[in-house]
């Protein structure tokens, strides 16, 4: 019984520490926003606050991502505008509103095309592939993943390449093509190991 009490006390302590750290982080983000003077830094802080909320409070995430979008449009920050649209798409993908996610990803894609931002384009294509795979449109998803893969290869973005290979492997697995699924997933895993990316492993 004493051991159980010690474990419970330890868990409570860890929860308090985690919550305190989280609150301090949010306070820090708002403080940085308050003292920011550059338009790009203000935009960045709105985006970071949205990031803070994305996995726990999608409404708040949307609110701050949207503020970042409004700020980018107002100040004619073209790249930042596209990125804000992409991040709003993340929120709708997270809550399962795939129609709106596709709309935001597609709009972001067009914005990135206008400024020839290859990194932004690759992210849009990859996320469009993910959403279409959720909807069961595997052929459409595969075409987007392959476009994203080629763009990530041009940038030598190992993390992006690995993610695309994983996504393609999962499509093949879903279709019962286990030979190709294994090939892509093994290649992805080897790349993740090279990066020592424990999340990917």
N, C-alpha and C. Protein backbone atom coordinates (compact mmCIF):
# COMPACT_ATOMS: atom_id res chain seq x y z
N UNK A 1 0.84 -1.21 0.00
CA UNK A 1 0.00 0.00 0.00
C UNK A 1 0.87 1.26 0.00
N UNK A 2 1.96 1.22 0.81
CA UNK A 2 2.87 2.36 0.85
C UNK A 2 3.50 2.60 -0.52
N UNK A 3 3.86 1.49 -1.20
CA UNK A 3 4.46 1.58 -2.52
C UNK A 3 3.49 2.22 -3.51
N UNK A 4 2.22 1.80 -3.43
CA UNK A 4 1.19 2.35 -4.32
C UNK A 4 1.03 3.85 -4.08
N UNK A 5 1.03 4.25 -2.82
CA UNK A 5 0.90 5.67 -2.49
C UNK A 5 2.08 6.48 -3.04
N UNK A 6 3.27 5.88 -2.93
CA UNK A 6 4.46 6.56 -3.45
C UNK A 6 4.37 6.74 -4.97
N UNK A 7 3.88 5.69 -5.64
CA UNK A 7 3.74 5.75 -7.10
C UNK A 7 2.73 6.83 -7.49
N UNK A 8 1.60 6.86 -6.78
CA UNK A 8 0.57 7.86 -7.07
C UNK A 8 1.07 9.28 -6.82
N UNK A 9 1.81 9.46 -5.73
CA UNK A 9 2.38 10.77 -5.44
C UNK A 9 3.37 11.20 -6.52
N UNK A 10 4.17 10.22 -6.98
CA UNK A 10 5.15 10.50 -8.02
C UNK A 10 4.45 10.91 -9.32
N UNK A 11 3.37 10.19 -9.65
CA UNK A 11 2.62 10.52 -10.86
C UNK A 11 1.99 11.91 -10.77
N UNK A 12 1.43 12.22 -9.61
CA UNK A 12 0.84 13.55 -9.40
C UNK A 12 1.90 14.64 -9.57
N UNK A 13 3.08 14.37 -9.03
CA UNK A 13 4.18 15.34 -9.14
C UNK A 13 4.55 15.57 -10.60
N UNK A 14 4.66 14.46 -11.35
CA UNK A 14 5.01 14.57 -12.78
C UNK A 14 3.96 15.35 -13.56
N UNK A 15 2.67 15.11 -13.24
CA UNK A 15 1.58 15.83 -13.91
C UNK A 15 1.66 17.32 -13.61
N UNK A 16 1.92 17.66 -12.34
CA UNK A 16 2.03 19.08 -11.95
C UNK A 16 3.19 19.75 -12.67
N UNK A 17 4.33 19.04 -12.71
CA UNK A 17 5.51 19.59 -13.40
C UNK A 17 5.22 19.80 -14.88
N UNK A 18 4.58 18.81 -15.51
CA UNK A 18 4.26 18.89 -16.94
C UNK A 18 3.32 20.05 -17.23
N UNK A 19 2.29 20.20 -16.37
CA UNK A 19 1.33 21.30 -16.56
C UNK A 19 1.98 22.66 -16.35
N UNK A 20 2.88 22.73 -15.36
CA UNK A 20 3.59 23.98 -15.09
C UNK A 20 4.48 24.36 -16.27
N UNK A 21 5.20 23.36 -16.79
CA UNK A 21 6.08 23.58 -17.94
C UNK A 21 5.26 24.04 -19.15
N UNK A 22 4.11 23.39 -19.35
CA UNK A 22 3.24 23.73 -20.48
C UNK A 22 2.72 25.16 -20.36
N UNK A 23 2.28 25.52 -19.15
CA UNK A 23 1.77 26.87 -18.91
C UNK A 23 2.87 27.91 -19.11
N UNK A 24 4.08 27.58 -18.63
CA UNK A 24 5.21 28.50 -18.79
C UNK A 24 5.54 28.70 -20.27
N UNK A 25 5.45 27.62 -21.04
CA UNK A 25 5.73 27.71 -22.47
C UNK A 25 4.74 28.63 -23.16
N UNK A 26 3.45 28.47 -22.82
CA UNK A 26 2.42 29.31 -23.43
C UNK A 26 2.61 30.77 -23.03
N UNK A 27 2.92 31.01 -21.75
CA UNK A 27 3.18 32.38 -21.28
C UNK A 27 4.34 33.00 -22.06
N UNK A 28 5.35 32.17 -22.30
CA UNK A 28 6.53 32.65 -23.04
C UNK A 28 6.17 33.02 -24.48
N UNK A 29 5.31 32.21 -25.10
CA UNK A 29 4.89 32.49 -26.47
C UNK A 29 4.11 33.80 -26.55
N UNK A 30 3.23 34.04 -25.58
CA UNK A 30 2.46 35.28 -25.58
C UNK A 30 3.36 36.50 -25.27
N UNK A 31 4.35 36.27 -24.42
CA UNK A 31 5.29 37.35 -24.10
C UNK A 31 6.09 37.74 -25.34
N UNK A 32 6.54 36.73 -26.08
CA UNK A 32 7.29 36.99 -27.31
C UNK A 32 6.41 37.71 -28.34
N UNK A 33 5.14 37.33 -28.40
CA UNK A 33 4.21 37.99 -29.31
C UNK A 33 4.01 39.45 -28.92
N UNK A 34 3.90 39.70 -27.63
CA UNK A 34 3.65 41.05 -27.13
C UNK A 34 4.80 42.00 -27.47
N UNK A 35 6.02 41.50 -27.38
CA UNK A 35 7.17 42.38 -27.62
C UNK A 35 7.65 42.36 -29.09
N UNK A 36 7.04 41.51 -29.91
CA UNK A 36 7.45 41.41 -31.32
C UNK A 36 7.11 42.68 -32.08
N UNK A 37 8.02 43.11 -32.95
CA UNK A 37 7.80 44.32 -33.75
C UNK A 37 7.80 44.01 -35.24
N UNK A 38 8.60 43.03 -35.63
CA UNK A 38 8.66 42.64 -37.04
C UNK A 38 7.40 41.89 -37.44
N UNK A 39 6.89 42.18 -38.64
CA UNK A 39 5.68 41.51 -39.14
C UNK A 39 5.87 40.00 -39.23
N UNK A 40 7.05 39.57 -39.66
CA UNK A 40 7.29 38.13 -39.80
C UNK A 40 7.37 37.45 -38.44
N UNK A 41 7.92 38.14 -37.45
CA UNK A 41 8.00 37.55 -36.10
C UNK A 41 6.61 37.48 -35.47
N UNK A 42 5.80 38.50 -35.65
CA UNK A 42 4.42 38.47 -35.14
C UNK A 42 3.68 37.30 -35.77
N UNK A 43 3.82 37.15 -37.10
CA UNK A 43 3.19 36.02 -37.79
C UNK A 43 3.68 34.70 -37.21
N UNK A 44 4.98 34.59 -37.01
CA UNK A 44 5.58 33.36 -36.50
C UNK A 44 5.04 33.01 -35.11
N UNK A 45 4.86 34.01 -34.27
CA UNK A 45 4.36 33.77 -32.91
C UNK A 45 2.90 33.28 -32.93
N UNK A 46 2.09 33.87 -33.80
CA UNK A 46 0.71 33.38 -33.95
C UNK A 46 0.73 31.90 -34.35
N UNK A 47 1.62 31.57 -35.27
CA UNK A 47 1.71 30.18 -35.74
C UNK A 47 2.17 29.25 -34.62
N UNK A 48 3.14 29.70 -33.84
CA UNK A 48 3.66 28.88 -32.74
C UNK A 48 2.60 28.65 -31.66
N UNK A 49 1.79 29.66 -31.40
CA UNK A 49 0.70 29.50 -30.43
C UNK A 49 -0.32 28.50 -30.97
N UNK A 50 -0.60 28.60 -32.27
CA UNK A 50 -1.48 27.61 -32.89
C UNK A 50 -0.91 26.21 -32.76
N UNK A 51 0.40 26.07 -32.98
CA UNK A 51 1.07 24.77 -32.81
C UNK A 51 0.89 24.22 -31.40
N UNK A 52 1.00 25.12 -30.42
CA UNK A 52 0.85 24.72 -29.02
C UNK A 52 -0.50 24.06 -28.77
N UNK A 53 -1.54 24.60 -29.42
CA UNK A 53 -2.89 24.12 -29.18
C UNK A 53 -3.33 22.97 -30.11
N UNK A 54 -2.60 22.75 -31.21
CA UNK A 54 -3.13 21.88 -32.28
C UNK A 54 -3.57 20.49 -31.79
N UNK A 55 -2.77 19.85 -30.95
CA UNK A 55 -3.09 18.48 -30.54
C UNK A 55 -4.06 18.39 -29.36
N UNK A 56 -4.35 19.53 -28.73
CA UNK A 56 -5.21 19.49 -27.54
C UNK A 56 -6.48 20.32 -27.68
N UNK A 57 -6.41 21.39 -28.46
CA UNK A 57 -7.55 22.30 -28.57
C UNK A 57 -7.64 22.83 -30.00
N UNK A 58 -8.27 22.05 -30.90
CA UNK A 58 -8.31 22.47 -32.31
C UNK A 58 -8.97 23.82 -32.56
N UNK A 59 -9.95 24.18 -31.75
CA UNK A 59 -10.61 25.49 -31.92
C UNK A 59 -9.61 26.63 -31.69
N UNK A 60 -8.82 26.50 -30.62
CA UNK A 60 -7.81 27.53 -30.34
C UNK A 60 -6.71 27.52 -31.40
N UNK A 61 -6.35 26.32 -31.85
CA UNK A 61 -5.33 26.21 -32.90
C UNK A 61 -5.82 26.94 -34.15
N UNK A 62 -7.07 26.68 -34.54
CA UNK A 62 -7.64 27.35 -35.72
C UNK A 62 -7.65 28.86 -35.52
N UNK A 63 -8.03 29.31 -34.33
CA UNK A 63 -8.11 30.74 -34.04
C UNK A 63 -6.77 31.43 -34.29
N UNK A 64 -5.68 30.84 -33.76
CA UNK A 64 -4.37 31.48 -33.90
C UNK A 64 -3.75 31.28 -35.28
N UNK A 65 -4.01 30.13 -35.89
CA UNK A 65 -3.55 29.96 -37.27
C UNK A 65 -4.26 30.97 -38.18
N UNK A 66 -5.54 31.19 -37.92
CA UNK A 66 -6.30 32.14 -38.72
C UNK A 66 -5.81 33.57 -38.49
N UNK A 67 -5.42 33.88 -37.25
CA UNK A 67 -4.84 35.19 -36.97
C UNK A 67 -3.53 35.37 -37.74
N UNK A 68 -2.77 34.28 -37.81
CA UNK A 68 -1.51 34.35 -38.58
C UNK A 68 -1.80 34.58 -40.06
N UNK A 69 -2.87 33.97 -40.56
CA UNK A 69 -3.27 34.15 -41.95
C UNK A 69 -3.69 35.60 -42.22
N UNK A 70 -4.53 36.12 -41.35
CA UNK A 70 -5.00 37.51 -41.49
C UNK A 70 -3.80 38.47 -41.48
N UNK A 71 -2.88 38.23 -40.57
CA UNK A 71 -1.69 39.08 -40.45
C UNK A 71 -0.83 38.99 -41.71
N UNK A 72 -0.68 37.78 -42.24
CA UNK A 72 0.13 37.59 -43.45
C UNK A 72 -0.50 38.30 -44.66
N UNK A 73 -1.80 38.16 -44.79
CA UNK A 73 -2.51 38.80 -45.92
C UNK A 73 -2.41 40.31 -45.80
N UNK A 74 -2.65 40.82 -44.61
CA UNK A 74 -2.62 42.27 -44.36
C UNK A 74 -1.26 42.87 -44.71
N UNK A 75 -0.19 42.11 -44.40
CA UNK A 75 1.17 42.62 -44.61
C UNK A 75 1.85 42.07 -45.86
N UNK A 76 1.05 41.42 -46.70
CA UNK A 76 1.52 40.91 -47.99
C UNK A 76 2.72 39.97 -47.85
N UNK A 77 2.63 39.09 -46.89
CA UNK A 77 3.67 38.08 -46.68
C UNK A 77 3.23 36.81 -47.41
N UNK A 78 3.64 36.69 -48.66
CA UNK A 78 3.11 35.63 -49.53
C UNK A 78 3.43 34.22 -49.04
N UNK A 79 4.69 33.97 -48.70
CA UNK A 79 5.07 32.64 -48.23
C UNK A 79 4.35 32.30 -46.93
N UNK A 80 4.31 33.27 -46.02
CA UNK A 80 3.66 33.05 -44.72
C UNK A 80 2.16 32.83 -44.89
N UNK A 81 1.57 33.52 -45.86
CA UNK A 81 0.14 33.32 -46.14
C UNK A 81 -0.12 31.86 -46.54
N UNK A 82 0.71 31.34 -47.43
CA UNK A 82 0.56 29.95 -47.88
C UNK A 82 0.74 28.98 -46.72
N UNK A 83 1.72 29.27 -45.87
CA UNK A 83 1.99 28.39 -44.73
C UNK A 83 0.83 28.40 -43.74
N UNK A 84 0.24 29.56 -43.50
CA UNK A 84 -0.92 29.64 -42.60
C UNK A 84 -2.08 28.81 -43.14
N UNK A 85 -2.29 28.88 -44.45
CA UNK A 85 -3.35 28.07 -45.07
C UNK A 85 -3.06 26.57 -44.89
N UNK A 86 -1.81 26.20 -45.06
CA UNK A 86 -1.41 24.80 -44.86
C UNK A 86 -1.71 24.34 -43.44
N UNK A 87 -1.36 25.18 -42.47
CA UNK A 87 -1.55 24.81 -41.06
C UNK A 87 -3.03 24.75 -40.67
N UNK A 88 -3.84 25.62 -41.26
CA UNK A 88 -5.28 25.52 -41.02
C UNK A 88 -5.80 24.20 -41.57
N UNK A 89 -5.23 23.79 -42.70
CA UNK A 89 -5.57 22.48 -43.25
C UNK A 89 -5.25 21.36 -42.28
N UNK A 90 -4.13 21.49 -41.55
CA UNK A 90 -3.77 20.48 -40.55
C UNK A 90 -4.89 20.30 -39.53
N UNK A 91 -5.44 21.43 -39.08
CA UNK A 91 -6.50 21.38 -38.06
C UNK A 91 -7.71 20.62 -38.58
N UNK A 92 -8.14 20.94 -39.79
CA UNK A 92 -9.31 20.26 -40.35
C UNK A 92 -9.03 18.78 -40.61
N UNK A 93 -7.80 18.46 -40.98
CA UNK A 93 -7.44 17.05 -41.12
C UNK A 93 -7.51 16.34 -39.77
N UNK A 94 -6.99 17.00 -38.72
CA UNK A 94 -6.98 16.42 -37.38
C UNK A 94 -8.38 16.09 -36.87
N UNK A 95 -9.35 16.95 -37.20
CA UNK A 95 -10.72 16.74 -36.68
C UNK A 95 -11.59 15.93 -37.65
N UNK A 96 -10.97 15.50 -38.77
CA UNK A 96 -11.70 14.65 -39.71
C UNK A 96 -12.58 15.37 -40.71
N UNK A 97 -12.40 16.69 -40.81
CA UNK A 97 -13.14 17.45 -41.82
C UNK A 97 -12.28 17.50 -43.08
N UNK A 98 -12.29 16.40 -43.83
CA UNK A 98 -11.35 16.23 -44.93
C UNK A 98 -11.66 17.14 -46.11
N UNK A 99 -12.93 17.47 -46.29
CA UNK A 99 -13.31 18.36 -47.40
C UNK A 99 -12.65 19.73 -47.23
N UNK A 100 -12.73 20.26 -46.02
CA UNK A 100 -12.11 21.57 -45.76
C UNK A 100 -10.59 21.46 -45.77
N UNK A 101 -10.06 20.34 -45.28
CA UNK A 101 -8.61 20.14 -45.30
C UNK A 101 -8.10 20.20 -46.73
N UNK A 102 -8.79 19.50 -47.64
CA UNK A 102 -8.41 19.50 -49.06
C UNK A 102 -8.48 20.92 -49.63
N UNK A 103 -9.52 21.65 -49.26
CA UNK A 103 -9.69 23.02 -49.77
C UNK A 103 -8.53 23.91 -49.34
N UNK A 104 -8.15 23.82 -48.07
CA UNK A 104 -7.05 24.65 -47.58
C UNK A 104 -5.71 24.21 -48.15
N UNK A 105 -5.47 22.90 -48.23
CA UNK A 105 -4.22 22.41 -48.82
C UNK A 105 -4.11 22.84 -50.29
N UNK A 106 -5.22 22.77 -51.01
CA UNK A 106 -5.22 23.14 -52.43
C UNK A 106 -4.95 24.62 -52.62
N UNK A 107 -5.54 25.44 -51.76
CA UNK A 107 -5.30 26.89 -51.84
C UNK A 107 -3.85 27.21 -51.49
N UNK A 108 -3.33 26.55 -50.46
CA UNK A 108 -1.93 26.74 -50.09
C UNK A 108 -1.01 26.32 -51.23
N UNK A 109 -1.36 25.23 -51.88
CA UNK A 109 -0.58 24.73 -53.02
C UNK A 109 -0.46 25.79 -54.12
N UNK A 110 -1.57 26.42 -54.44
CA UNK A 110 -1.57 27.46 -55.48
C UNK A 110 -0.70 28.65 -55.07
N UNK A 111 -0.77 29.00 -53.80
CA UNK A 111 0.04 30.12 -53.30
C UNK A 111 1.53 29.77 -53.39
N UNK A 112 1.89 28.55 -53.00
CA UNK A 112 3.28 28.12 -53.07
C UNK A 112 3.77 28.05 -54.52
N UNK A 113 2.89 27.65 -55.43
CA UNK A 113 3.25 27.59 -56.85
C UNK A 113 3.62 28.97 -57.39
N UNK A 114 2.89 29.98 -56.98
CA UNK A 114 3.12 31.34 -57.46
C UNK A 114 4.49 31.87 -57.05
N UNK A 115 4.98 31.41 -55.89
CA UNK A 115 6.29 31.90 -55.42
C UNK A 115 7.37 30.83 -55.58
N UNK A 116 7.00 29.73 -56.23
CA UNK A 116 7.93 28.63 -56.52
C UNK A 116 8.63 28.12 -55.25
N UNK A 117 7.83 27.89 -54.21
CA UNK A 117 8.36 27.37 -52.94
C UNK A 117 8.27 25.83 -52.97
N UNK A 118 9.39 25.20 -53.25
CA UNK A 118 9.40 23.75 -53.41
C UNK A 118 9.12 23.00 -52.11
N UNK A 119 9.60 23.53 -51.01
CA UNK A 119 9.36 22.89 -49.70
C UNK A 119 7.87 22.91 -49.38
N UNK A 120 7.27 24.08 -49.55
CA UNK A 120 5.83 24.21 -49.30
C UNK A 120 5.02 23.31 -50.21
N UNK A 121 5.40 23.25 -51.48
CA UNK A 121 4.69 22.40 -52.44
C UNK A 121 4.75 20.94 -52.03
N UNK A 122 5.93 20.49 -51.64
CA UNK A 122 6.08 19.07 -51.26
C UNK A 122 5.22 18.73 -50.06
N UNK A 123 5.12 19.65 -49.11
CA UNK A 123 4.29 19.41 -47.92
C UNK A 123 2.81 19.35 -48.29
N UNK A 124 2.39 20.25 -49.19
CA UNK A 124 0.98 20.25 -49.63
C UNK A 124 0.63 18.95 -50.34
N UNK A 125 1.48 18.53 -51.28
CA UNK A 125 1.20 17.30 -52.02
C UNK A 125 1.15 16.10 -51.08
N UNK A 126 2.07 16.05 -50.13
CA UNK A 126 2.08 14.92 -49.19
C UNK A 126 0.81 14.89 -48.35
N UNK A 127 0.39 16.06 -47.86
CA UNK A 127 -0.81 16.09 -47.02
C UNK A 127 -2.09 15.85 -47.81
N UNK A 128 -2.12 16.30 -49.05
CA UNK A 128 -3.26 15.97 -49.92
C UNK A 128 -3.34 14.45 -50.10
N UNK A 129 -2.18 13.82 -50.28
CA UNK A 129 -2.15 12.36 -50.39
C UNK A 129 -2.69 11.68 -49.15
N UNK A 130 -2.31 12.19 -48.00
CA UNK A 130 -2.77 11.60 -46.73
C UNK A 130 -4.29 11.69 -46.62
N UNK A 131 -4.85 12.86 -46.92
CA UNK A 131 -6.29 13.05 -46.80
C UNK A 131 -7.04 12.15 -47.79
N UNK A 132 -6.56 12.09 -49.03
CA UNK A 132 -7.24 11.24 -50.01
C UNK A 132 -7.12 9.76 -49.64
N UNK A 133 -6.03 9.37 -48.99
CA UNK A 133 -5.90 7.98 -48.53
C UNK A 133 -6.92 7.69 -47.43
N UNK A 134 -7.16 8.66 -46.54
CA UNK A 134 -8.19 8.51 -45.51
C UNK A 134 -9.57 8.31 -46.14
N UNK A 135 -9.79 9.01 -47.26
CA UNK A 135 -11.08 8.92 -47.94
C UNK A 135 -11.22 7.66 -48.80
N UNK A 136 -10.12 6.92 -48.92
CA UNK A 136 -10.16 5.67 -49.69
C UNK A 136 -9.84 5.82 -51.16
N UNK A 137 -9.41 7.02 -51.58
CA UNK A 137 -9.03 7.25 -52.98
C UNK A 137 -7.54 6.98 -53.14
N UNK A 138 -7.19 5.71 -53.15
CA UNK A 138 -5.77 5.33 -53.12
C UNK A 138 -4.99 5.77 -54.35
N UNK A 139 -5.61 5.72 -55.53
CA UNK A 139 -4.90 6.11 -56.75
C UNK A 139 -4.58 7.60 -56.73
N UNK A 140 -5.53 8.39 -56.29
CA UNK A 140 -5.30 9.84 -56.18
C UNK A 140 -4.23 10.11 -55.14
N UNK A 141 -4.34 9.43 -54.00
CA UNK A 141 -3.36 9.59 -52.93
C UNK A 141 -1.96 9.23 -53.42
N UNK A 142 -1.85 8.11 -54.14
CA UNK A 142 -0.56 7.66 -54.63
C UNK A 142 0.07 8.67 -55.58
N UNK A 143 -0.75 9.28 -56.42
CA UNK A 143 -0.21 10.28 -57.37
C UNK A 143 0.37 11.48 -56.62
N UNK A 144 -0.33 11.91 -55.57
CA UNK A 144 0.17 13.03 -54.76
C UNK A 144 1.44 12.64 -54.01
N UNK A 145 1.47 11.44 -53.45
CA UNK A 145 2.66 10.99 -52.72
C UNK A 145 3.88 10.93 -53.64
N UNK A 146 3.68 10.48 -54.86
CA UNK A 146 4.79 10.37 -55.81
C UNK A 146 5.32 11.74 -56.23
N UNK A 147 4.41 12.71 -56.39
CA UNK A 147 4.86 14.07 -56.70
C UNK A 147 5.66 14.63 -55.52
N UNK A 148 5.12 14.44 -54.32
CA UNK A 148 5.81 14.91 -53.11
C UNK A 148 7.17 14.25 -52.97
N UNK A 149 7.23 12.96 -53.25
CA UNK A 149 8.48 12.21 -53.13
C UNK A 149 9.56 12.80 -54.05
N UNK A 150 9.19 13.09 -55.29
CA UNK A 150 10.17 13.66 -56.24
C UNK A 150 10.65 15.03 -55.77
N UNK A 151 9.73 15.82 -55.22
CA UNK A 151 10.11 17.15 -54.72
C UNK A 151 11.03 17.04 -53.51
N UNK A 152 10.72 16.11 -52.60
CA UNK A 152 11.57 15.91 -51.43
C UNK A 152 12.96 15.42 -51.84
N UNK A 153 13.01 14.58 -52.87
CA UNK A 153 14.31 14.09 -53.36
C UNK A 153 15.15 15.23 -53.93
N UNK A 154 14.52 16.15 -54.66
CA UNK A 154 15.23 17.30 -55.21
C UNK A 154 15.83 18.16 -54.10
N UNK A 155 15.11 18.23 -52.99
CA UNK A 155 15.58 19.03 -51.85
C UNK A 155 16.53 18.25 -50.95
N UNK A 156 16.68 16.96 -51.22
CA UNK A 156 17.47 16.05 -50.38
C UNK A 156 16.96 16.07 -48.93
N UNK A 157 15.64 16.12 -48.83
CA UNK A 157 14.97 16.14 -47.52
C UNK A 157 14.70 14.69 -47.09
N UNK A 158 15.59 14.16 -46.28
CA UNK A 158 15.52 12.74 -45.90
C UNK A 158 14.25 12.44 -45.12
N UNK A 159 13.89 13.35 -44.22
CA UNK A 159 12.68 13.14 -43.43
C UNK A 159 11.44 13.11 -44.32
N UNK A 160 11.38 14.05 -45.27
CA UNK A 160 10.25 14.09 -46.20
C UNK A 160 10.19 12.85 -47.08
N UNK A 161 11.37 12.42 -47.57
CA UNK A 161 11.44 11.21 -48.39
C UNK A 161 10.93 10.00 -47.60
N UNK A 162 11.39 9.89 -46.36
CA UNK A 162 10.99 8.75 -45.52
C UNK A 162 9.49 8.73 -45.27
N UNK A 163 8.93 9.91 -44.99
CA UNK A 163 7.49 9.98 -44.75
C UNK A 163 6.70 9.57 -45.99
N UNK A 164 7.14 10.03 -47.17
CA UNK A 164 6.46 9.66 -48.41
C UNK A 164 6.55 8.16 -48.67
N UNK A 165 7.73 7.61 -48.46
CA UNK A 165 7.91 6.16 -48.66
C UNK A 165 7.00 5.36 -47.73
N UNK A 166 6.88 5.83 -46.50
CA UNK A 166 5.98 5.17 -45.54
C UNK A 166 4.54 5.24 -46.02
N UNK A 167 4.13 6.43 -46.47
CA UNK A 167 2.76 6.61 -46.94
C UNK A 167 2.46 5.74 -48.16
N UNK A 168 3.41 5.65 -49.08
CA UNK A 168 3.24 4.80 -50.26
C UNK A 168 3.18 3.33 -49.85
N UNK A 169 4.05 2.95 -48.91
CA UNK A 169 4.04 1.57 -48.41
C UNK A 169 2.72 1.20 -47.78
N UNK A 170 2.12 2.13 -47.05
CA UNK A 170 0.83 1.88 -46.40
C UNK A 170 -0.29 1.73 -47.43
N UNK A 171 -0.19 2.49 -48.53
CA UNK A 171 -1.17 2.34 -49.61
C UNK A 171 -1.08 0.93 -50.21
N UNK A 172 0.14 0.51 -50.50
CA UNK A 172 0.33 -0.84 -51.06
C UNK A 172 -0.18 -1.91 -50.09
N UNK A 173 0.07 -1.70 -48.81
CA UNK A 173 -0.40 -2.66 -47.80
C UNK A 173 -1.92 -2.72 -47.78
N UNK A 174 -2.54 -1.55 -47.85
CA UNK A 174 -4.01 -1.46 -47.86
C UNK A 174 -4.61 -2.19 -49.06
N UNK A 175 -3.87 -2.19 -50.17
CA UNK A 175 -4.35 -2.85 -51.38
C UNK A 175 -3.96 -4.33 -51.46
N UNK A 176 -3.24 -4.79 -50.45
CA UNK A 176 -2.85 -6.19 -50.42
C UNK A 176 -1.59 -6.51 -51.21
N UNK A 177 -0.89 -5.48 -51.67
CA UNK A 177 0.36 -5.67 -52.39
C UNK A 177 1.50 -5.62 -51.37
N UNK A 178 1.65 -6.73 -50.64
CA UNK A 178 2.56 -6.74 -49.50
C UNK A 178 4.04 -6.72 -49.90
N UNK A 179 4.34 -7.22 -51.11
CA UNK A 179 5.73 -7.19 -51.57
C UNK A 179 6.22 -5.76 -51.74
N UNK A 180 5.44 -4.96 -52.44
CA UNK A 180 5.80 -3.55 -52.61
C UNK A 180 5.72 -2.77 -51.30
N UNK A 181 4.72 -3.12 -50.48
CA UNK A 181 4.57 -2.46 -49.18
C UNK A 181 5.83 -2.66 -48.35
N UNK A 182 6.31 -3.90 -48.30
CA UNK A 182 7.49 -4.23 -47.52
C UNK A 182 8.71 -3.48 -48.05
N UNK A 183 8.83 -3.43 -49.38
CA UNK A 183 9.97 -2.75 -50.00
C UNK A 183 10.02 -1.28 -49.60
N UNK A 184 8.89 -0.60 -49.70
CA UNK A 184 8.85 0.83 -49.39
C UNK A 184 9.03 1.08 -47.89
N UNK A 185 8.40 0.26 -47.08
CA UNK A 185 8.48 0.46 -45.63
C UNK A 185 9.89 0.16 -45.11
N UNK A 186 10.54 -0.85 -45.68
CA UNK A 186 11.92 -1.16 -45.27
C UNK A 186 12.88 -0.04 -45.66
N UNK A 187 12.68 0.51 -46.85
CA UNK A 187 13.52 1.63 -47.30
C UNK A 187 13.32 2.84 -46.39
N UNK A 188 12.05 3.10 -46.05
CA UNK A 188 11.74 4.20 -45.15
C UNK A 188 12.38 4.00 -43.79
N UNK A 189 12.28 2.78 -43.28
CA UNK A 189 12.85 2.48 -41.96
C UNK A 189 14.35 2.67 -41.95
N UNK A 190 15.02 2.26 -43.03
CA UNK A 190 16.47 2.41 -43.09
C UNK A 190 16.87 3.88 -43.09
N UNK A 191 16.06 4.71 -43.75
CA UNK A 191 16.34 6.14 -43.75
C UNK A 191 16.11 6.75 -42.38
N UNK A 192 15.04 6.31 -41.72
CA UNK A 192 14.78 6.79 -40.36
C UNK A 192 15.92 6.39 -39.42
N UNK A 193 16.45 5.20 -39.61
CA UNK A 193 17.56 4.74 -38.76
C UNK A 193 18.79 5.61 -38.99
N UNK A 194 19.01 5.96 -40.26
CA UNK A 194 20.15 6.85 -40.58
C UNK A 194 20.03 8.16 -39.84
N UNK A 195 18.84 8.67 -39.75
CA UNK A 195 18.61 9.96 -39.07
C UNK A 195 18.53 9.78 -37.56
N UNK A 196 18.51 8.52 -37.12
CA UNK A 196 18.32 8.21 -35.69
C UNK A 196 17.03 8.86 -35.19
N UNK A 197 16.02 8.76 -36.04
CA UNK A 197 14.72 9.35 -35.72
C UNK A 197 13.88 8.35 -34.96
N UNK A 198 13.89 8.43 -33.66
CA UNK A 198 13.18 7.46 -32.83
C UNK A 198 11.67 7.52 -33.03
N UNK A 199 11.16 8.69 -33.41
CA UNK A 199 9.72 8.80 -33.65
C UNK A 199 9.34 7.94 -34.85
N UNK A 200 10.14 8.04 -35.89
CA UNK A 200 9.87 7.24 -37.08
C UNK A 200 10.02 5.77 -36.85
N UNK A 201 10.95 5.38 -35.99
CA UNK A 201 11.16 3.96 -35.71
C UNK A 201 10.08 3.43 -34.77
